[in-house]
Amino acid sequence: MISPTERMIAEVDGAIGWLTFNNPSRRNAVSMDMWQAIPEIFDAFERDPAVRVIVLTGAGDKAFVSGADISEFEKNRSSPEAVARYDEIGARAQGRIVNATKPTIAMIRGFCMGGGVGVALSCDLRIAAESAQFGIPAAKLGIGYRVDGVTKLLALVGPAFAKEIFYTARRFTAAEAHGMGLVNRVLADGELEGFVRSYCGMIAENAPLSLLASKGIITELSKLSSEVDRKHCEELVRRCFESEDYVEGRRAFMEKRKPQFNGR
């Protein structure tokens, strides 16, 4: 699969679509072209019926994503207009991850800082190596975090930990991140990729429409109660019960065999 920039690697391996942040000389800091490539790569993964799970990771073992590429700030974030444009592009990229119809996993090695935490929070699951480090150093740069980013963090870790992360701007270990609820699992460094591949295989065996329904309903229920689109939730469930996969799931259960789902 061809990526719009060499600093983002897009590959399909079986049921997994791998998206790799490939800027190791800057610890995979995200440049403008990398943000811009994300929606295009996700569109391609979602068009491919073979892809059942999308995994985001960083090149090498030093970093997942160390944040935004600060070397570009003078060029791309030095005026209110430039900041607005940069933020729009970054928000569009992270929104594309959040709104993916297929399950997404952040596989985290090394540094996951600032914008890297934002990318990880945009994924459905976060699985980290025990040597991973997390932090949001906004207070060290004079940066204010926008509502969307704070909301995603708050939903996972709660107000007390969110304040600690922002107030101290320090680095947190993978064990601390797990204790906060920031990551789902922590694995020994050498076991991380094997575990993620195994998890992807487990997810890929399940019915895509069921996964889509679960993701959509959880997203709706995460909103304020007055904003929940219950009709949309009901439609997601209805599609499951009217699908070929539901027929296959019932038959496989009765026949004591593993179902073969096709997303229809």
C-alpha atoms as a PDB file:
ATOM      1  CA  MET A   1       0.000   0.000   0.000  1.00  0.00           C
ATOM      2  CA  ILE A   2       1.385   3.433  -0.983  1.00  0.00           C
ATOM      3  CA  SER A   3       1.455   6.138   1.698  1.00  0.00           C
ATOM      4  CA  PRO A   4       1.178   9.847   0.813  1.00  0.00           C
ATOM      5  CA  THR A   5       4.469  10.449   2.684  1.00  0.00           C
ATOM      6  CA  GLU A   6       7.474   8.300   3.494  1.00  0.00           C
ATOM      7  CA  ARG A   7       7.127   9.390   7.111  1.00  0.00           C
ATOM      8  CA  MET A   8       3.953   7.309   7.426  1.00  0.00           C
ATOM      9  CA  ILE A   9       4.175   3.617   6.542  1.00  0.00           C
ATOM     10  CA  ALA A  10       0.914   1.856   5.646  1.00  0.00           C
ATOM     11  CA  GLU A  11       0.920  -1.935   5.348  1.00  0.00           C
ATOM     12  CA  VAL A  12      -1.675  -4.699   5.311  1.00  0.00           C
ATOM     13  CA  ASP A  13      -0.670  -7.974   6.937  1.00  0.00           C
ATOM     14  CA  GLY A  14      -3.518 -10.468   6.982  1.00  0.00           C
ATOM     15  CA  ALA A  15      -6.394  -8.934   8.930  1.00  0.00           C
ATOM     16  CA  ILE A  16      -4.247  -6.102  10.326  1.00  0.00           C
ATOM     17  CA  GLY A  17      -3.748  -2.676   8.800  1.00  0.00           C
ATOM     18  CA  TRP A  18      -0.479  -1.322  10.214  1.00  0.00           C
ATOM     19  CA  LEU A  19       0.061   2.440  10.324  1.00  0.00           C
ATOM     20  CA  THR A  20       3.590   3.333  11.432  1.00  0.00           C
ATOM     21  CA  PHE A  21       4.765   6.824  12.370  1.00  0.00           C
ATOM     22  CA  ASN A  22       8.124   6.836  10.630  1.00  0.00           C
ATOM     23  CA  ASN A  23      10.151   9.809  11.818  1.00  0.00           C
ATOM     24  CA  PRO A  24      12.696   8.069  14.068  1.00  0.00           C
ATOM     25  CA  SER A  25      15.306  10.849  13.886  1.00  0.00           C
ATOM     26  CA  ARG A  26      12.799  13.004  15.808  1.00  0.00           C
ATOM     27  CA  ARG A  27      11.403  10.158  17.903  1.00  0.00           C
ATOM     28  CA  ASN A  28       8.447   9.922  15.531  1.00  0.00           C
ATOM     29  CA  ALA A  29       7.295  13.476  16.176  1.00  0.00           C
ATOM     30  CA  VAL A  30       4.356  14.247  13.891  1.00  0.00           C
ATOM     31  CA  SER A  31       4.959  16.718  11.073  1.00  0.00           C
ATOM     32  CA  MET A  32       2.307  18.429   8.991  1.00  0.00           C
ATOM     33  CA  ASP A  33       2.563  15.904   6.144  1.00  0.00           C
ATOM     34  CA  MET A  34       2.119  13.055   8.624  1.00  0.00           C
ATOM     35  CA  TRP A  35      -1.079  14.552  10.042  1.00  0.00           C
ATOM     36  CA  GLN A  36      -2.372  15.072   6.500  1.00  0.00           C
ATOM     37  CA  ALA A  37      -1.647  11.454   5.521  1.00  0.00           C
ATOM     38  CA  ILE A  38      -3.665   9.843   8.315  1.00  0.00           C
ATOM     39  CA  PRO A  39      -7.184  10.340   6.858  1.00  0.00           C
ATOM     40  CA  GLU A  40      -6.103   9.044   3.450  1.00  0.00           C
ATOM     41  CA  ILE A  41      -4.493   5.930   4.936  1.00  0.00           C
ATOM     42  CA  PHE A  42      -7.526   5.232   7.126  1.00  0.00           C
ATOM     43  CA  ASP A  43      -9.831   5.586   4.130  1.00  0.00           C
ATOM     44  CA  ALA A  44      -7.792   2.930   2.308  1.00  0.00           C
ATOM     45  CA  PHE A  45      -7.826   0.560   5.296  1.00  0.00           C
ATOM     46  CA  GLU A  46     -11.575   0.906   5.647  1.00  0.00           C
ATOM     47  CA  ARG A  47     -12.160   0.191   1.954  1.00  0.00           C
ATOM     48  CA  ASP A  48     -10.205  -3.061   2.248  1.00  0.00           C
ATOM     49  CA  PRO A  49     -12.521  -5.849   3.482  1.00  0.00           C
ATOM     50  CA  ALA A  50      -9.510  -7.952   4.463  1.00  0.00           C
ATOM     51  CA  VAL A  51      -8.539  -5.407   7.134  1.00  0.00           C
ATOM     52  CA  ARG A  52     -10.432  -6.101  10.353  1.00  0.00           C
ATOM     53  CA  VAL A  53      -8.232  -4.210  12.865  1.00  0.00           C
ATOM     54  CA  ILE A  54      -6.014  -1.117  12.497  1.00  0.00           C
ATOM     55  CA  VAL A  55      -2.838  -0.878  14.594  1.00  0.00           C
ATOM     56  CA  LEU A  56      -0.940   2.376  15.057  1.00  0.00           C
ATOM     57  CA  THR A  57       2.689   2.212  16.150  1.00  0.00           C
ATOM     58  CA  GLY A  58       6.003   4.033  15.896  1.00  0.00           C
ATOM     59  CA  ALA A  59       9.115   3.097  13.944  1.00  0.00           C
ATOM     60  CA  GLY A  60      11.872   1.604  16.087  1.00  0.00           C
ATOM     61  CA  ASP A  61      11.733   1.060  19.825  1.00  0.00           C
ATOM     62  CA  LYS A  62      12.494   4.581  21.092  1.00  0.00           C
ATOM     63  CA  ALA A  63       9.071   6.163  20.652  1.00  0.00           C
ATOM     64  CA  PHE A  64       5.458   5.664  19.697  1.00  0.00           C
ATOM     65  CA  VAL A  65       4.974   9.368  18.983  1.00  0.00           C
ATOM     66  CA  SER A  66       6.942  11.953  20.957  1.00  0.00           C
ATOM     67  CA  GLY A  67       4.468  14.725  20.139  1.00  0.00           C
ATOM     68  CA  ALA A  68       4.117  17.282  17.399  1.00  0.00           C
ATOM     69  CA  ASP A  69       7.279  18.212  15.486  1.00  0.00           C
ATOM     70  CA  ILE A  70       8.239  21.395  17.347  1.00  0.00           C
ATOM     71  CA  SER A  71      10.794  22.258  14.658  1.00  0.00           C
ATOM     72  CA  GLU A  72       7.801  23.136  12.443  1.00  0.00           C
ATOM     73  CA  PHE A  73       6.151  25.426  14.991  1.00  0.00           C
ATOM     74  CA  GLU A  74       7.914  28.574  13.822  1.00  0.00           C
ATOM     75  CA  LYS A  75       6.670  27.917  10.300  1.00  0.00           C
ATOM     76  CA  ASN A  76       3.259  26.404  10.994  1.00  0.00           C
ATOM     77  CA  ARG A  77       2.198  27.746  14.410  1.00  0.00           C
ATOM     78  CA  SER A  78       3.697  31.245  14.676  1.00  0.00           C
ATOM     79  CA  SER A  79       0.518  33.261  14.063  1.00  0.00           C
ATOM     80  CA  PRO A  80      -3.113  32.859  15.110  1.00  0.00           C
ATOM     81  CA  GLU A  81      -4.080  31.971  11.532  1.00  0.00           C
ATOM     82  CA  ALA A  82      -1.302  29.406  11.228  1.00  0.00           C
ATOM     83  CA  VAL A  83      -2.186  27.890  14.601  1.00  0.00           C
ATOM     84  CA  ALA A  84      -5.830  27.587  13.546  1.00  0.00           C
ATOM     85  CA  ARG A  85      -4.900  25.846  10.279  1.00  0.00           C
ATOM     86  CA  TYR A  86      -2.458  23.480  11.998  1.00  0.00           C
ATOM     87  CA  ASP A  87      -4.993  22.633  14.692  1.00  0.00           C
ATOM     88  CA  GLU A  88      -7.665  21.978  12.060  1.00  0.00           C
ATOM     89  CA  ILE A  89      -5.411  19.515  10.218  1.00  0.00           C
ATOM     90  CA  GLY A  90      -4.406  17.761  13.446  1.00  0.00           C
ATOM     91  CA  ALA A  91      -8.014  17.610  14.647  1.00  0.00           C
ATOM     92  CA  ARG A  92      -9.141  16.174  11.307  1.00  0.00           C
ATOM     93  CA  ALA A  93      -6.496  13.438  11.557  1.00  0.00           C
ATOM     94  CA  GLN A  94      -7.347  12.500  15.136  1.00  0.00           C
ATOM     95  CA  GLY A  95     -11.060  12.687  14.360  1.00  0.00           C
ATOM     96  CA  ARG A  96     -10.523  10.228  11.512  1.00  0.00           C
ATOM     97  CA  ILE A  97      -8.942   7.779  13.954  1.00  0.00           C
ATOM     98  CA  VAL A  98     -11.743   8.256  16.491  1.00  0.00           C
ATOM     99  CA  ASN A  99     -14.439   7.766  13.852  1.00  0.00           C
ATOM    100  CA  ALA A 100     -12.903   4.703  12.212  1.00  0.00           C
ATOM    101  CA  THR A 101     -15.506   1.997  11.704  1.00  0.00           C
ATOM    102  CA  LYS A 102     -12.929  -0.717  12.426  1.00  0.00           C
ATOM    103  CA  PRO A 103     -11.319  -1.365  15.828  1.00  0.00           C
ATOM    104  CA  THR A 104      -8.103   0.569  16.432  1.00  0.00           C
ATOM    105  CA  ILE A 105      -5.183  -0.263  18.722  1.00  0.00           C
ATOM    106  CA  ALA A 106      -2.237   1.930  19.713  1.00  0.00           C
ATOM    107  CA  MET A 107       0.820  -0.318  20.196  1.00  0.00           C
ATOM    108  CA  ILE A 108       3.112   1.824  22.301  1.00  0.00           C
ATOM    109  CA  ARG A 109       6.868   1.503  22.752  1.00  0.00           C
ATOM    110  CA  GLY A 110       9.115   4.186  24.206  1.00  0.00           C
ATOM    111  CA  PHE A 111       7.987   7.795  24.419  1.00  0.00           C
ATOM    112  CA  CYS A 112       4.309   8.671  24.050  1.00  0.00           C
ATOM    113  CA  MET A 113       4.235  12.382  24.725  1.00  0.00           C
ATOM    114  CA  GLY A 114       1.948  15.339  24.035  1.00  0.00           C
ATOM    115  CA  GLY A 115       0.355  14.818  20.646  1.00  0.00           C
ATOM    116  CA  GLY A 116       1.368  11.164  20.897  1.00  0.00           C
ATOM    117  CA  VAL A 117      -0.928  10.778  23.873  1.00  0.00           C
ATOM    118  CA  GLY A 118      -3.627  12.454  21.785  1.00  0.00           C
ATOM    119  CA  VAL A 119      -3.119   9.901  19.003  1.00  0.00           C
ATOM    120  CA  ALA A 120      -3.207   7.032  21.497  1.00  0.00           C
ATOM    121  CA  LEU A 121      -6.376   8.392  23.125  1.00  0.00           C
ATOM    122  CA  SER A 122      -8.007   8.513  19.689  1.00  0.00           C
ATOM    123  CA  CYS A 123      -7.644   4.720  19.422  1.00  0.00           C
ATOM    124  CA  ASP A 124     -10.064   2.234  20.948  1.00  0.00           C
ATOM    125  CA  LEU A 125      -7.381   0.334  22.876  1.00  0.00           C
ATOM    126  CA  ARG A 126      -3.889   1.191  24.106  1.00  0.00           C
ATOM    127  CA  ILE A 127      -1.384  -1.623  24.703  1.00  0.00           C
ATOM    128  CA  ALA A 128       2.059  -0.622  25.950  1.00  0.00           C
ATOM    129  CA  ALA A 129       5.501  -2.060  26.551  1.00  0.00           C
ATOM    130  CA  GLU A 130       6.642  -1.856  30.169  1.00  0.00           C
ATOM    131  CA  SER A 131       9.412   0.584  29.192  1.00  0.00           C
ATOM    132  CA  ALA A 132       6.945   3.054  27.624  1.00  0.00           C
ATOM    133  CA  GLN A 133       6.728   6.566  29.054  1.00  0.00           C
ATOM    134  CA  PHE A 134       3.787   8.944  28.886  1.00  0.00           C
ATOM    135  CA  GLY A 135       3.350  12.655  29.433  1.00  0.00           C
ATOM    136  CA  ILE A 136       1.746  15.883  28.271  1.00  0.00           C
ATOM    137  CA  PRO A 137       4.377  18.642  28.618  1.00  0.00           C
ATOM    138  CA  ALA A 138       2.028  21.443  27.527  1.00  0.00           C
ATOM    139  CA  ALA A 139       2.808  23.500  30.640  1.00  0.00           C
ATOM    140  CA  LYS A 140       6.512  23.418  29.776  1.00  0.00           C
ATOM    141  CA  LEU A 141       5.778  24.916  26.338  1.00  0.00           C
ATOM    142  CA  GLY A 142       3.116  27.456  27.234  1.00  0.00           C
ATOM    143  CA  ILE A 143       0.503  25.460  25.298  1.00  0.00           C
ATOM    144  CA  GLY A 144      -3.182  25.201  26.176  1.00  0.00           C
ATOM    145  CA  TYR A 145      -4.966  21.926  25.437  1.00  0.00           C
ATOM    146  CA  ARG A 146      -8.258  22.173  23.610  1.00  0.00           C
ATOM    147  CA  VAL A 147     -11.521  20.738  24.929  1.00  0.00           C
ATOM    148  CA  ASP A 148     -11.575  17.644  22.705  1.00  0.00           C
ATOM    149  CA  GLY A 149      -8.167  16.477  23.905  1.00  0.00           C
ATOM    150  CA  VAL A 150      -8.906  17.135  27.559  1.00  0.00           C
ATOM    151  CA  THR A 151     -12.294  15.425  27.263  1.00  0.00           C
ATOM    152  CA  LYS A 152     -10.777  12.203  25.901  1.00  0.00           C
ATOM    153  CA  LEU A 153      -8.175  12.117  28.677  1.00  0.00           C
ATOM    154  CA  LEU A 154     -10.743  12.938  31.356  1.00  0.00           C
ATOM    155  CA  ALA A 155     -13.012  10.114  30.187  1.00  0.00           C
ATOM    156  CA  LEU A 156     -10.237   7.574  30.773  1.00  0.00           C
ATOM    157  CA  VAL A 157      -8.402   8.754  33.877  1.00  0.00           C
ATOM    158  CA  GLY A 158     -10.833  11.077  35.689  1.00  0.00           C
ATOM    159  CA  PRO A 159     -10.278  14.640  36.897  1.00  0.00           C
ATOM    160  CA  ALA A 160      -7.686  13.977  39.625  1.00  0.00           C
ATOM    161  CA  PHE A 161      -5.237  12.134  37.346  1.00  0.00           C
ATOM    162  CA  ALA A 162      -5.945  14.513  34.446  1.00  0.00           C
ATOM    163  CA  LYS A 163      -4.936  17.437  36.650  1.00  0.00           C
ATOM    164  CA  GLU A 164      -1.814  15.613  37.803  1.00  0.00           C
ATOM    165  CA  ILE A 165      -0.797  14.936  34.191  1.00  0.00           C
ATOM    166  CA  PHE A 166      -1.312  18.538  33.120  1.00  0.00           C
ATOM    167  CA  TYR A 167      -0.082  20.274  36.278  1.00  0.00           C
ATOM    168  CA  THR A 168       3.188  18.365  36.653  1.00  0.00           C
ATOM    169  CA  ALA A 169       3.933  17.937  32.913  1.00  0.00           C
ATOM    170  CA  ARG A 170       6.150  15.049  34.020  1.00  0.00           C
ATOM    171  CA  ARG A 171       6.720  11.634  32.510  1.00  0.00           C
ATOM    172  CA  PHE A 172       4.721   8.684  33.795  1.00  0.00           C
ATOM    173  CA  THR A 173       5.778   5.042  33.579  1.00  0.00           C
ATOM    174  CA  ALA A 174       3.700   2.425  31.803  1.00  0.00           C
ATOM    175  CA  ALA A 175       2.775   0.968  35.197  1.00  0.00           C
ATOM    176  CA  GLU A 176       1.533   4.383  36.362  1.00  0.00           C
ATOM    177  CA  ALA A 177      -0.393   4.856  33.118  1.00  0.00           C
ATOM    178  CA  HIS A 178      -2.028   1.470  33.585  1.00  0.00           C
ATOM    179  CA  GLY A 179      -2.947   2.302  37.155  1.00  0.00           C
ATOM    180  CA  MET A 180      -4.654   5.482  35.945  1.00  0.00           C
ATOM    181  CA  GLY A 181      -6.589   3.661  33.237  1.00  0.00           C
ATOM    182  CA  LEU A 182      -4.681   5.405  30.470  1.00  0.00           C
ATOM    183  CA  VAL A 183      -3.622   2.074  28.906  1.00  0.00           C
ATOM    184  CA  ASN A 184      -5.435  -1.263  28.755  1.00  0.00           C
ATOM    185  CA  ARG A 185      -2.468  -3.624  29.051  1.00  0.00           C
ATOM    186  CA  VAL A 186       1.266  -3.512  29.797  1.00  0.00           C
ATOM    187  CA  LEU A 187       3.556  -6.206  28.406  1.00  0.00           C
ATOM    188  CA  ALA A 188       7.243  -6.992  28.641  1.00  0.00           C
ATOM    189  CA  ASP A 189       9.016  -5.231  25.787  1.00  0.00           C
ATOM    190  CA  GLY A 190       9.765  -8.461  23.930  1.00  0.00           C
ATOM    191  CA  GLU A 191       6.181  -9.686  24.229  1.00  0.00           C
ATOM    192  CA  LEU A 192       4.349  -6.577  23.040  1.00  0.00           C
ATOM    193  CA  GLU A 193       4.011  -7.210  19.307  1.00  0.00           C
ATOM    194  CA  GLY A 194       3.165 -10.891  19.725  1.00  0.00           C
ATOM    195  CA  PHE A 195       0.428 -10.014  22.200  1.00  0.00           C
ATOM    196  CA  VAL A 196      -1.004  -7.310  19.926  1.00  0.00           C
ATOM    197  CA  ARG A 197      -1.015  -9.676  16.938  1.00  0.00           C
ATOM    198  CA  SER A 198      -2.775 -12.309  19.033  1.00  0.00           C
ATOM    199  CA  TYR A 199      -5.360  -9.760  20.193  1.00  0.00           C
ATOM    200  CA  CYS A 200      -5.929  -8.637  16.613  1.00  0.00           C
ATOM    201  CA  GLY A 201      -6.472 -12.248  15.585  1.00  0.00           C
ATOM    202  CA  MET A 202      -9.036 -12.656  18.354  1.00  0.00           C
ATOM    203  CA  ILE A 203     -10.867  -9.487  17.276  1.00  0.00           C
ATOM    204  CA  ALA A 204     -10.687 -10.375  13.571  1.00  0.00           C
ATOM    205  CA  GLU A 205     -12.581 -13.617  14.163  1.00  0.00           C
ATOM    206  CA  ASN A 206     -15.616 -11.712  15.437  1.00  0.00           C
ATOM    207  CA  ALA A 207     -18.479 -10.271  13.386  1.00  0.00           C
ATOM    208  CA  PRO A 208     -17.555  -6.833  11.974  1.00  0.00           C
ATOM    209  CA  LEU A 209     -21.102  -5.496  12.259  1.00  0.00           C
ATOM    210  CA  SER A 210     -21.243  -6.523  15.918  1.00  0.00           C
ATOM    211  CA  LEU A 211     -17.974  -4.698  16.561  1.00  0.00           C
ATOM    212  CA  LEU A 212     -19.275  -1.653  14.703  1.00  0.00           C
ATOM    213  CA  ALA A 213     -22.455  -1.697  16.777  1.00  0.00           C
ATOM    214  CA  SER A 214     -20.543  -1.958  20.053  1.00  0.00           C
ATOM    215  CA  LYS A 215     -18.185   0.847  19.082  1.00  0.00           C
ATOM    216  CA  GLY A 216     -20.991   3.103  17.912  1.00  0.00           C
ATOM    217  CA  ILE A 217     -23.156   2.560  20.983  1.00  0.00           C
ATOM    218  CA  ILE A 218     -20.270   3.025  23.435  1.00  0.00           C
ATOM    219  CA  THR A 219     -19.382   6.263  21.634  1.00  0.00           C
ATOM    220  CA  GLU A 220     -22.952   7.514  21.944  1.00  0.00           C
ATOM    221  CA  LEU A 221     -23.247   6.549  25.607  1.00  0.00           C
ATOM    222  CA  SER A 222     -20.008   8.409  26.332  1.00  0.00           C
ATOM    223  CA  LYS A 223     -21.770  11.654  25.430  1.00  0.00           C
ATOM    224  CA  LEU A 224     -24.014  13.725  27.661  1.00  0.00           C
ATOM    225  CA  SER A 225     -27.334  11.900  28.052  1.00  0.00           C
ATOM    226  CA  SER A 226     -29.169  14.660  26.186  1.00  0.00           C
ATOM    227  CA  GLU A 227     -26.879  14.190  23.154  1.00  0.00           C
ATOM    228  CA  VAL A 228     -27.129  10.400  22.805  1.00  0.00           C
ATOM    229  CA  ASP A 229     -28.533   9.397  19.412  1.00  0.00           C
ATOM    230  CA  ARG A 230     -30.620   6.400  20.473  1.00  0.00           C
ATOM    231  CA  LYS A 231     -32.067   5.899  17.010  1.00  0.00           C
ATOM    232  CA  HIS A 232     -28.567   5.488  15.613  1.00  0.00           C
ATOM    233  CA  CYS A 233     -27.812   2.927  18.343  1.00  0.00           C
ATOM    234  CA  GLU A 234     -30.968   1.011  17.503  1.00  0.00           C
ATOM    235  CA  GLU A 235     -30.088   1.059  13.805  1.00  0.00           C
ATOM    236  CA  LEU A 236     -26.653  -0.424  14.536  1.00  0.00           C
ATOM    237  CA  VAL A 237     -28.264  -3.264  16.480  1.00  0.00           C
ATOM    238  CA  ARG A 238     -30.922  -3.815  13.798  1.00  0.00           C
ATOM    239  CA  ARG A 239     -28.225  -4.184  11.120  1.00  0.00           C
ATOM    240  CA  CYS A 240     -26.624  -6.959  13.175  1.00  0.00           C
ATOM    241  CA  PHE A 241     -29.824  -8.964  13.488  1.00  0.00           C
ATOM    242  CA  GLU A 242     -30.580  -8.593   9.756  1.00  0.00           C
ATOM    243  CA  SER A 243     -27.079  -9.575   8.643  1.00  0.00           C
ATOM    244  CA  GLU A 244     -25.703 -12.716   7.031  1.00  0.00           C
ATOM    245  CA  ASP A 245     -23.166 -12.813   9.858  1.00  0.00           C
ATOM    246  CA  TYR A 246     -25.946 -13.275  12.411  1.00  0.00           C
ATOM    247  CA  VAL A 247     -27.204 -16.284  10.429  1.00  0.00           C
ATOM    248  CA  GLU A 248     -23.651 -17.634  10.247  1.00  0.00           C
ATOM    249  CA  GLY A 249     -23.084 -17.070  13.963  1.00  0.00           C
ATOM    250  CA  ARG A 250     -26.241 -19.006  14.906  1.00  0.00           C
ATOM    251  CA  ARG A 251     -25.412 -21.883  12.573  1.00  0.00           C
ATOM    252  CA  ALA A 252     -21.814 -22.097  13.725  1.00  0.00           C
ATOM    253  CA  PHE A 253     -22.935 -22.201  17.356  1.00  0.00           C
ATOM    254  CA  MET A 254     -25.396 -25.026  16.664  1.00  0.00           C
ATOM    255  CA  GLU A 255     -22.833 -26.902  14.566  1.00  0.00           C
ATOM    256  CA  LYS A 256     -20.106 -26.417  17.207  1.00  0.00           C
ATOM    257  CA  ARG A 257     -17.646 -24.822  14.772  1.00  0.00           C
ATOM    258  CA  LYS A 258     -15.846 -21.511  14.419  1.00  0.00           C
ATOM    259  CA  PRO A 259     -17.924 -18.931  12.482  1.00  0.00           C
ATOM    260  CA  GLN A 260     -16.670 -17.343   9.273  1.00  0.00           C
ATOM    261  CA  PHE A 261     -17.888 -13.743   9.245  1.00  0.00           C
ATOM    262  CA  ASN A 262     -17.817 -11.501   6.175  1.00  0.00           C
ATOM    263  CA  GLY A 263     -19.145  -8.189   7.458  1.00  0.00           C
ATOM    264  CA  ARG A 264     -22.490  -8.438   5.674  1.00  0.00           C
END
